[in-house]
PDB file of N, CA and C in Angstrom:
ATOM      1  N   UNK A   1     166.353  42.435  89.595  1.00  0.00           N
ATOM      2  CA  UNK A   1     165.859  41.222  90.162  1.00  0.00           C
ATOM      3  C   UNK A   1     166.375  41.103  91.560  1.00  0.00           C
ATOM      4  N   UNK A   2     165.565  40.568  92.342  1.00  0.00           N
ATOM      5  CA  UNK A   2     166.006  40.327  93.808  1.00  0.00           C
ATOM      6  C   UNK A   2     165.894  38.895  94.108  1.00  0.00           C
ATOM      7  N   UNK A   3     166.986  38.318  94.587  1.00  0.00           N
ATOM      8  CA  UNK A   3     166.937  36.856  95.170  1.00  0.00           C
ATOM      9  C   UNK A   3     167.459  37.068  96.696  1.00  0.00           C
ATOM     10  N   UNK A   4     167.117  35.885  97.329  1.00  0.00           N
ATOM     11  CA  UNK A   4     167.515  35.938  98.639  1.00  0.00           C
ATOM     12  C   UNK A   4     168.066  34.564  99.170  1.00  0.00           C
ATOM     13  N   UNK A   5     168.792  34.544 100.101  1.00  0.00           N
ATOM     14  CA  UNK A   5     169.459  33.228 100.573  1.00  0.00           C
ATOM     15  C   UNK A   5     170.029  33.300 101.917  1.00  0.00           C
ATOM     16  N   UNK A   6     170.401  32.197 102.453  1.00  0.00           N
ATOM     17  CA  UNK A   6     171.061  32.109 103.825  1.00  0.00           C
ATOM     18  C   UNK A   6     172.529  31.689 103.634  1.00  0.00           C
ATOM     19  N   UNK A   7     173.419  32.526 104.242  1.00  0.00           N
ATOM     20  CA  UNK A   7     174.775  32.218 103.941  1.00  0.00           C
ATOM     21  C   UNK A   7     175.122  30.922 104.721  1.00  0.00           C
ATOM     22  N   UNK A   8     175.588  29.836 103.942  1.00  0.00           N
ATOM     23  CA  UNK A   8     175.767  28.481 104.626  1.00  0.00           C
ATOM     24  C   UNK A   8     177.094  28.014 104.879  1.00  0.00           C
ATOM     25  N   UNK A   9     178.076  28.851 104.305  1.00  0.00           N
ATOM     26  CA  UNK A   9     179.498  28.257 104.602  1.00  0.00           C
ATOM     27  C   UNK A   9     179.938  28.775 106.046  1.00  0.00           C
ATOM     28  N   UNK A  10     180.472  27.666 106.687  1.00  0.00           N
ATOM     29  CA  UNK A  10     180.630  27.901 108.251  1.00  0.00           C
ATOM     30  C   UNK A  10     181.624  29.093 108.641  1.00  0.00           C
ATOM     31  N   UNK A  11     182.429  29.543 107.726  1.00  0.00           N
ATOM     32  CA  UNK A  11     183.261  30.613 108.134  1.00  0.00           C
ATOM     33  C   UNK A  11     182.713  32.066 107.676  1.00  0.00           C
ATOM     34  N   UNK A  12     181.507  32.061 107.225  1.00  0.00           N
ATOM     35  CA  UNK A  12     180.881  33.337 106.937  1.00  0.00           C
ATOM     36  C   UNK A  12     181.515  34.033 105.616  1.00  0.00           C
ATOM     37  N   UNK A  13     181.288  35.193 105.474  1.00  0.00           N
ATOM     38  CA  UNK A  13     181.635  36.088 104.241  1.00  0.00           C
ATOM     39  C   UNK A  13     182.905  36.713 104.498  1.00  0.00           C
ATOM     40  N   UNK A  14     184.086  35.990 104.640  1.00  0.00           N
ATOM     41  CA  UNK A  14     185.331  36.365 104.846  1.00  0.00           C
ATOM     42  C   UNK A  14     185.963  36.804 103.513  1.00  0.00           C
ATOM     43  N   UNK A  15     187.277  36.993 103.409  1.00  0.00           N
ATOM     44  CA  UNK A  15     187.978  37.562 102.194  1.00  0.00           C
ATOM     45  C   UNK A  15     187.751  36.605 101.015  1.00  0.00           C
ATOM     46  N   UNK A  16     188.076  35.363 101.191  1.00  0.00           N
ATOM     47  CA  UNK A  16     188.065  34.445 100.037  1.00  0.00           C
ATOM     48  C   UNK A  16     186.444  34.424  99.466  1.00  0.00           C
ATOM     49  N   UNK A  17     185.466  34.191 100.234  1.00  0.00           N
ATOM     50  CA  UNK A  17     184.211  34.172  99.581  1.00  0.00           C
ATOM     51  C   UNK A  17     183.789  35.559  98.874  1.00  0.00           C
ATOM     52  N   UNK A  18     184.267  36.652  99.711  1.00  0.00           N
ATOM     53  CA  UNK A  18     183.977  38.043  99.166  1.00  0.00           C
ATOM     54  C   UNK A  18     184.749  38.212  97.757  1.00  0.00           C
ATOM     55  N   UNK A  19     185.975  37.663  97.671  1.00  0.00           N
ATOM     56  CA  UNK A  19     186.712  37.777  96.445  1.00  0.00           C
ATOM     57  C   UNK A  19     185.929  36.878  95.349  1.00  0.00           C
ATOM     58  N   UNK A  20     185.601  35.796  95.632  1.00  0.00           N
ATOM     59  CA  UNK A  20     184.943  35.082  94.592  1.00  0.00           C
ATOM     60  C   UNK A  20     183.546  35.465  94.234  1.00  0.00           C
ATOM     61  N   UNK A  21     182.830  36.267  95.118  1.00  0.00           N
ATOM     62  CA  UNK A  21     181.665  36.946  94.850  1.00  0.00           C
ATOM     63  C   UNK A  21     181.775  38.011  93.849  1.00  0.00           C
ATOM     64  N   UNK A  22     182.888  38.881  94.125  1.00  0.00           N
ATOM     65  CA  UNK A  22     183.131  40.055  93.269  1.00  0.00           C
ATOM     66  C   UNK A  22     183.573  39.560  91.984  1.00  0.00           C
ATOM     67  N   UNK A  23     184.429  38.598  91.909  1.00  0.00           N
ATOM     68  CA  UNK A  23     184.914  38.084  90.586  1.00  0.00           C
ATOM     69  C   UNK A  23     183.734  37.666  89.752  1.00  0.00           C
ATOM     70  N   UNK A  24     182.785  36.995  90.359  1.00  0.00           N
ATOM     71  CA  UNK A  24     181.637  36.494  89.652  1.00  0.00           C
ATOM     72  C   UNK A  24     180.733  37.602  89.187  1.00  0.00           C
ATOM     73  N   UNK A  25     180.474  38.584  90.098  1.00  0.00           N
ATOM     74  CA  UNK A  25     179.644  39.702  89.909  1.00  0.00           C
ATOM     75  C   UNK A  25     180.188  40.570  88.718  1.00  0.00           C
ATOM     76  N   UNK A  26     181.544  40.652  88.602  1.00  0.00           N
ATOM     77  CA  UNK A  26     182.136  41.432  87.601  1.00  0.00           C
ATOM     78  C   UNK A  26     182.125  40.814  86.295  1.00  0.00           C
ATOM     79  N   UNK A  27     181.672  39.583  86.055  1.00  0.00           N
ATOM     80  CA  UNK A  27     181.438  38.930  84.820  1.00  0.00           C
ATOM     81  C   UNK A  27     180.220  39.342  84.248  1.00  0.00           C
ATOM     82  N   UNK A  28     179.389  40.248  84.911  1.00  0.00           N
ATOM     83  CA  UNK A  28     178.145  40.693  84.332  1.00  0.00           C
ATOM     84  C   UNK A  28     178.088  42.144  84.282  1.00  0.00           C
ATOM     85  N   UNK A  29     177.246  42.644  83.310  1.00  0.00           N
ATOM     86  CA  UNK A  29     177.123  44.150  83.152  1.00  0.00           C
ATOM     87  C   UNK A  29     176.194  44.667  84.311  1.00  0.00           C
ATOM     88  N   UNK A  30     175.374  43.991  84.802  1.00  0.00           N
ATOM     89  CA  UNK A  30     174.350  44.476  85.771  1.00  0.00           C
ATOM     90  C   UNK A  30     174.982  44.919  86.988  1.00  0.00           C
ATOM     91  N   UNK A  31     174.268  46.030  87.596  1.00  0.00           N
ATOM     92  CA  UNK A  31     174.872  46.476  88.881  1.00  0.00           C
ATOM     93  C   UNK A  31     174.351  45.433  89.944  1.00  0.00           C
ATOM     94  N   UNK A  32     175.137  45.384  90.914  1.00  0.00           N
ATOM     95  CA  UNK A  32     174.842  44.265  92.029  1.00  0.00           C
ATOM     96  C   UNK A  32     174.890  44.930  93.386  1.00  0.00           C
ATOM     97  N   UNK A  33     173.959  44.885  94.203  1.00  0.00           N
ATOM     98  CA  UNK A  33     173.781  45.292  95.571  1.00  0.00           C
ATOM     99  C   UNK A  33     173.581  44.122  96.422  1.00  0.00           C
ATOM    100  N   UNK A  34     174.355  43.971  97.530  1.00  0.00           N
ATOM    101  CA  UNK A  34     174.160  43.049  98.571  1.00  0.00           C
ATOM    102  C   UNK A  34     173.671  43.670  99.921  1.00  0.00           C
ATOM    103  N   UNK A  35     172.419  43.072 100.285  1.00  0.00           N
ATOM    104  CA  UNK A  35     171.921  43.582 101.614  1.00  0.00           C
ATOM    105  C   UNK A  35     171.991  42.544 102.617  1.00  0.00           C
ATOM    106  N   UNK A  36     172.379  42.887 103.875  1.00  0.00           N
ATOM    107  CA  UNK A  36     172.388  42.015 104.963  1.00  0.00           C
ATOM    108  C   UNK A  36     170.915  42.045 105.589  1.00  0.00           C
ATOM    109  N   UNK A  37     170.508  40.948 106.375  1.00  0.00           N
ATOM    110  CA  UNK A  37     169.210  41.021 106.924  1.00  0.00           C
ATOM    111  C   UNK A  37     168.945  42.316 107.798  1.00  0.00           C
ATOM    112  N   UNK A  38     169.857  42.960 108.233  1.00  0.00           N
ATOM    113  CA  UNK A  38     169.863  44.095 109.009  1.00  0.00           C
ATOM    114  C   UNK A  38     169.432  45.332 108.169  1.00  0.00           C
ATOM    115  N   UNK A  39     169.664  45.215 106.908  1.00  0.00           N
ATOM    116  CA  UNK A  39     169.239  46.404 105.910  1.00  0.00           C
ATOM    117  C   UNK A  39     170.529  46.954 105.502  1.00  0.00           C
ATOM    118  N   UNK A  40     171.685  46.736 106.043  1.00  0.00           N
ATOM    119  CA  UNK A  40     172.851  47.320 105.504  1.00  0.00           C
ATOM    120  C   UNK A  40     173.185  46.929 104.139  1.00  0.00           C
ATOM    121  N   UNK A  41     173.632  47.797 103.248  1.00  0.00           N
ATOM    122  CA  UNK A  41     173.964  47.374 101.894  1.00  0.00           C
ATOM    123  C   UNK A  41     175.225  47.771 101.400  1.00  0.00           C
ATOM    124  N   UNK A  42     175.804  47.063 100.420  1.00  0.00           N
ATOM    125  CA  UNK A  42     177.146  47.252  99.841  1.00  0.00           C
ATOM    126  C   UNK A  42     176.986  46.880  98.341  1.00  0.00           C
ATOM    127  N   UNK A  43     177.973  47.549  97.662  1.00  0.00           N
ATOM    128  CA  UNK A  43     178.164  47.207  96.187  1.00  0.00           C
ATOM    129  C   UNK A  43     178.805  45.855  96.068  1.00  0.00           C
ATOM    130  N   UNK A  44     178.086  44.927  95.346  1.00  0.00           N
ATOM    131  CA  UNK A  44     178.383  43.609  95.223  1.00  0.00           C
ATOM    132  C   UNK A  44     179.701  43.350  94.349  1.00  0.00           C
ATOM    133  N   UNK A  45     180.229  44.592  93.882  1.00  0.00           N
ATOM    134  CA  UNK A  45     181.447  44.432  92.984  1.00  0.00           C
ATOM    135  C   UNK A  45     182.618  45.016  93.687  1.00  0.00           C
ATOM    136  N   UNK A  46     182.404  45.219  94.971  1.00  0.00           N
ATOM    137  CA  UNK A  46     183.597  45.753  95.906  1.00  0.00           C
ATOM    138  C   UNK A  46     183.820  44.818  97.089  1.00  0.00           C
ATOM    139  N   UNK A  47     184.935  44.255  97.150  1.00  0.00           N
ATOM    140  CA  UNK A  47     185.410  43.428  98.279  1.00  0.00           C
ATOM    141  C   UNK A  47     185.318  44.114  99.478  1.00  0.00           C
ATOM    142  N   UNK A  48     185.868  45.220  99.601  1.00  0.00           N
ATOM    143  CA  UNK A  48     185.713  46.128 100.830  1.00  0.00           C
ATOM    144  C   UNK A  48     184.259  46.315 101.334  1.00  0.00           C
ATOM    145  N   UNK A  49     183.623  46.637 100.291  1.00  0.00           N
ATOM    146  CA  UNK A  49     182.059  46.886 100.708  1.00  0.00           C
ATOM    147  C   UNK A  49     181.421  45.589 101.341  1.00  0.00           C
ATOM    148  N   UNK A  50     181.754  44.433 100.709  1.00  0.00           N
ATOM    149  CA  UNK A  50     181.071  43.258 100.992  1.00  0.00           C
ATOM    150  C   UNK A  50     181.679  42.834 102.497  1.00  0.00           C
ATOM    151  N   UNK A  51     182.892  43.119 102.733  1.00  0.00           N
ATOM    152  CA  UNK A  51     183.503  42.753 104.067  1.00  0.00           C
ATOM    153  C   UNK A  51     182.939  43.669 105.118  1.00  0.00           C
ATOM    154  N   UNK A  52     182.452  44.952 104.769  1.00  0.00           N
ATOM    155  CA  UNK A  52     181.898  45.780 105.962  1.00  0.00           C
ATOM    156  C   UNK A  52     180.597  45.326 106.327  1.00  0.00           C
ATOM    157  N   UNK A  53     179.913  44.322 105.570  1.00  0.00           N
ATOM    158  CA  UNK A  53     178.490  44.018 106.083  1.00  0.00           C
ATOM    159  C   UNK A  53     178.830  43.007 107.192  1.00  0.00           C
ATOM    160  N   UNK A  54     179.981  42.355 107.324  1.00  0.00           N
ATOM    161  CA  UNK A  54     180.153  41.447 108.572  1.00  0.00           C
ATOM    162  C   UNK A  54     179.170  40.285 108.321  1.00  0.00           C
ATOM    163  N   UNK A  55     178.968  39.717 107.320  1.00  0.00           N
ATOM    164  CA  UNK A  55     177.966  38.582 107.181  1.00  0.00           C
ATOM    165  C   UNK A  55     178.642  37.315 107.698  1.00  0.00           C
ATOM    166  N   UNK A  56     177.899  36.634 108.619  1.00  0.00           N
ATOM    167  CA  UNK A  56     178.377  35.300 109.285  1.00  0.00           C
ATOM    168  C   UNK A  56     177.542  34.166 108.912  1.00  0.00           C
ATOM    169  N   UNK A  57     177.969  32.989 109.145  1.00  0.00           N
ATOM    170  CA  UNK A  57     177.156  31.761 108.913  1.00  0.00           C
ATOM    171  C   UNK A  57     175.755  32.019 109.432  1.00  0.00           C
ATOM    172  N   UNK A  58     174.738  31.628 108.529  1.00  0.00           N
ATOM    173  CA  UNK A  58     173.328  31.699 108.862  1.00  0.00           C
ATOM    174  C   UNK A  58     172.740  33.172 108.642  1.00  0.00           C
ATOM    175  N   UNK A  59     173.534  34.000 108.002  1.00  0.00           N
ATOM    176  CA  UNK A  59     172.999  35.401 107.841  1.00  0.00           C
ATOM    177  C   UNK A  59     172.011  35.334 106.645  1.00  0.00           C
ATOM    178  N   UNK A  60     170.848  36.098 106.613  1.00  0.00           N
ATOM    179  CA  UNK A  60     170.037  36.292 105.466  1.00  0.00           C
ATOM    180  C   UNK A  60     170.778  37.318 104.573  1.00  0.00           C
ATOM    181  N   UNK A  61     170.771  37.025 103.339  1.00  0.00           N
ATOM    182  CA  UNK A  61     171.399  37.817 102.428  1.00  0.00           C
ATOM    183  C   UNK A  61     170.672  38.126 101.214  1.00  0.00           C
ATOM    184  N   UNK A  62     170.270  39.368 100.910  1.00  0.00           N
ATOM    185  CA  UNK A  62     169.577  39.804  99.650  1.00  0.00           C
ATOM    186  C   UNK A  62     170.467  40.318  98.565  1.00  0.00           C
ATOM    187  N   UNK A  63     170.452  39.653  97.383  1.00  0.00           N
ATOM    188  CA  UNK A  63     171.078  40.018  96.221  1.00  0.00           C
ATOM    189  C   UNK A  63     170.165  40.937  95.247  1.00  0.00           C
ATOM    190  N   UNK A  64     170.479  42.097  95.080  1.00  0.00           N
ATOM    191  CA  UNK A  64     169.694  42.900  94.029  1.00  0.00           C
ATOM    192  C   UNK A  64     170.505  43.100  92.845  1.00  0.00           C
ATOM    193  N   UNK A  65     169.973  42.833  91.638  1.00  0.00           N
ATOM    194  CA  UNK A  65     170.597  43.003  90.539  1.00  0.00           C
ATOM    195  C   UNK A  65     169.813  43.970  89.480  1.00  0.00           C
ATOM    196  N   UNK A  66     170.473  44.755  88.686  1.00  0.00           N
ATOM    197  CA  UNK A  66     169.753  45.692  87.775  1.00  0.00           C
ATOM    198  C   UNK A  66     170.524  45.889  86.606  1.00  0.00           C
ATOM    199  N   UNK A  67     169.974  45.686  85.453  1.00  0.00           N
ATOM    200  CA  UNK A  67     170.606  45.901  84.171  1.00  0.00           C
ATOM    201  C   UNK A  67     170.382  44.962  83.152  1.00  0.00           C
ATOM    202  N   UNK A  68     171.172  45.013  82.105  1.00  0.00           N
ATOM    203  CA  UNK A  68     170.989  44.120  80.931  1.00  0.00           C
ATOM    204  C   UNK A  68     170.967  42.575  81.157  1.00  0.00           C
ATOM    205  N   UNK A  69     171.783  42.151  82.121  1.00  0.00           N
ATOM    206  CA  UNK A  69     171.761  40.664  82.452  1.00  0.00           C
ATOM    207  C   UNK A  69     171.540  40.436  83.816  1.00  0.00           C
ATOM    208  N   UNK A  70     170.685  41.154  84.355  1.00  0.00           N
ATOM    209  CA  UNK A  70     170.301  41.054  85.774  1.00  0.00           C
ATOM    210  C   UNK A  70     169.928  39.763  86.283  1.00  0.00           C
ATOM    211  N   UNK A  71     169.098  38.882  85.504  1.00  0.00           N
ATOM    212  CA  UNK A  71     168.577  37.684  85.870  1.00  0.00           C
ATOM    213  C   UNK A  71     169.700  36.648  85.846  1.00  0.00           C
ATOM    214  N   UNK A  72     170.600  36.612  84.906  1.00  0.00           N
ATOM    215  CA  UNK A  72     171.623  35.713  84.920  1.00  0.00           C
ATOM    216  C   UNK A  72     172.620  36.007  86.156  1.00  0.00           C
ATOM    217  N   UNK A  73     172.881  37.293  86.272  1.00  0.00           N
ATOM    218  CA  UNK A  73     173.708  37.578  87.405  1.00  0.00           C
ATOM    219  C   UNK A  73     173.235  37.184  88.756  1.00  0.00           C
ATOM    220  N   UNK A  74     171.889  37.511  89.010  1.00  0.00           N
ATOM    221  CA  UNK A  74     171.269  37.201  90.331  1.00  0.00           C
ATOM    222  C   UNK A  74     171.364  35.579  90.499  1.00  0.00           C
ATOM    223  N   UNK A  75     171.029  34.781  89.460  1.00  0.00           N
ATOM    224  CA  UNK A  75     170.953  33.499  89.583  1.00  0.00           C
ATOM    225  C   UNK A  75     172.378  32.884  89.870  1.00  0.00           C
ATOM    226  N   UNK A  76     173.366  33.393  89.118  1.00  0.00           N
ATOM    227  CA  UNK A  76     174.842  32.935  89.196  1.00  0.00           C
ATOM    228  C   UNK A  76     175.344  33.154  90.588  1.00  0.00           C
ATOM    229  N   UNK A  77     175.060  34.411  91.131  1.00  0.00           N
ATOM    230  CA  UNK A  77     175.615  34.797  92.543  1.00  0.00           C
ATOM    231  C   UNK A  77     174.935  34.027  93.515  1.00  0.00           C
ATOM    232  N   UNK A  78     173.626  33.694  93.420  1.00  0.00           N
ATOM    233  CA  UNK A  78     172.788  32.989  94.449  1.00  0.00           C
ATOM    234  C   UNK A  78     173.376  31.594  94.486  1.00  0.00           C
ATOM    235  N   UNK A  79     173.730  31.064  93.217  1.00  0.00           N
ATOM    236  CA  UNK A  79     174.220  29.642  93.130  1.00  0.00           C
ATOM    237  C   UNK A  79     175.471  29.616  93.792  1.00  0.00           C
ATOM    238  N   UNK A  80     176.421  30.567  93.526  1.00  0.00           N
ATOM    239  CA  UNK A  80     177.642  30.561  94.158  1.00  0.00           C
ATOM    240  C   UNK A  80     177.604  30.670  95.702  1.00  0.00           C
ATOM    241  N   UNK A  81     176.664  31.396  96.283  1.00  0.00           N
ATOM    242  CA  UNK A  81     176.495  31.545  97.739  1.00  0.00           C
ATOM    243  C   UNK A  81     175.980  30.219  98.090  1.00  0.00           C
ATOM    244  N   UNK A  82     175.037  29.556  97.500  1.00  0.00           N
ATOM    245  CA  UNK A  82     174.543  28.213  97.821  1.00  0.00           C
ATOM    246  C   UNK A  82     175.476  27.158  97.864  1.00  0.00           C
ATOM    247  N   UNK A  83     176.562  27.268  96.986  1.00  0.00           N
ATOM    248  CA  UNK A  83     177.554  26.249  96.890  1.00  0.00           C
ATOM    249  C   UNK A  83     178.508  26.387  98.112  1.00  0.00           C
ATOM    250  N   UNK A  84     178.253  27.257  98.959  1.00  0.00           N
ATOM    251  CA  UNK A  84     179.140  27.575 100.016  1.00  0.00           C
ATOM    252  C   UNK A  84     180.481  27.883  99.609  1.00  0.00           C
ATOM    253  N   UNK A  85     180.610  28.595  98.410  1.00  0.00           N
ATOM    254  CA  UNK A  85     181.720  29.103  97.858  1.00  0.00           C
ATOM    255  C   UNK A  85     182.917  28.096  97.803  1.00  0.00           C
ATOM    256  N   UNK A  86     182.435  26.759  97.621  1.00  0.00           N
ATOM    257  CA  UNK A  86     183.361  25.763  97.462  1.00  0.00           C
ATOM    258  C   UNK A  86     184.209  25.297  98.638  1.00  0.00           C
ATOM    259  N   UNK A  87     183.753  25.835  99.748  1.00  0.00           N
ATOM    260  CA  UNK A  87     184.423  25.561 101.004  1.00  0.00           C
ATOM    261  C   UNK A  87     184.276  24.252 101.685  1.00  0.00           C
ATOM    262  N   UNK A  88     183.173  23.748 101.445  1.00  0.00           N
ATOM    263  CA  UNK A  88     182.761  22.394 102.143  1.00  0.00           C
ATOM    264  C   UNK A  88     182.248  21.375 101.134  1.00  0.00           C
TER     265      UNK A  88
END
């Protein structure tokens, strides 16, 4: 499943949001890939991978999930991102 959103937290995808994203992603069996609007991709279950994308406020983010619980994973991760990772 593929879902897309805009990174809305003012500080971007720094270590705390990346950690929260990875913790949530690891609750699912599905594989998770995160793509930046530039096309660069990273494993959504890797903090280091996510940090290398350099996603900042306003960035277009594509979340791709594949596997047994892909729909639940995609929806949950998008909801987390849309919640601004609880920062605001």
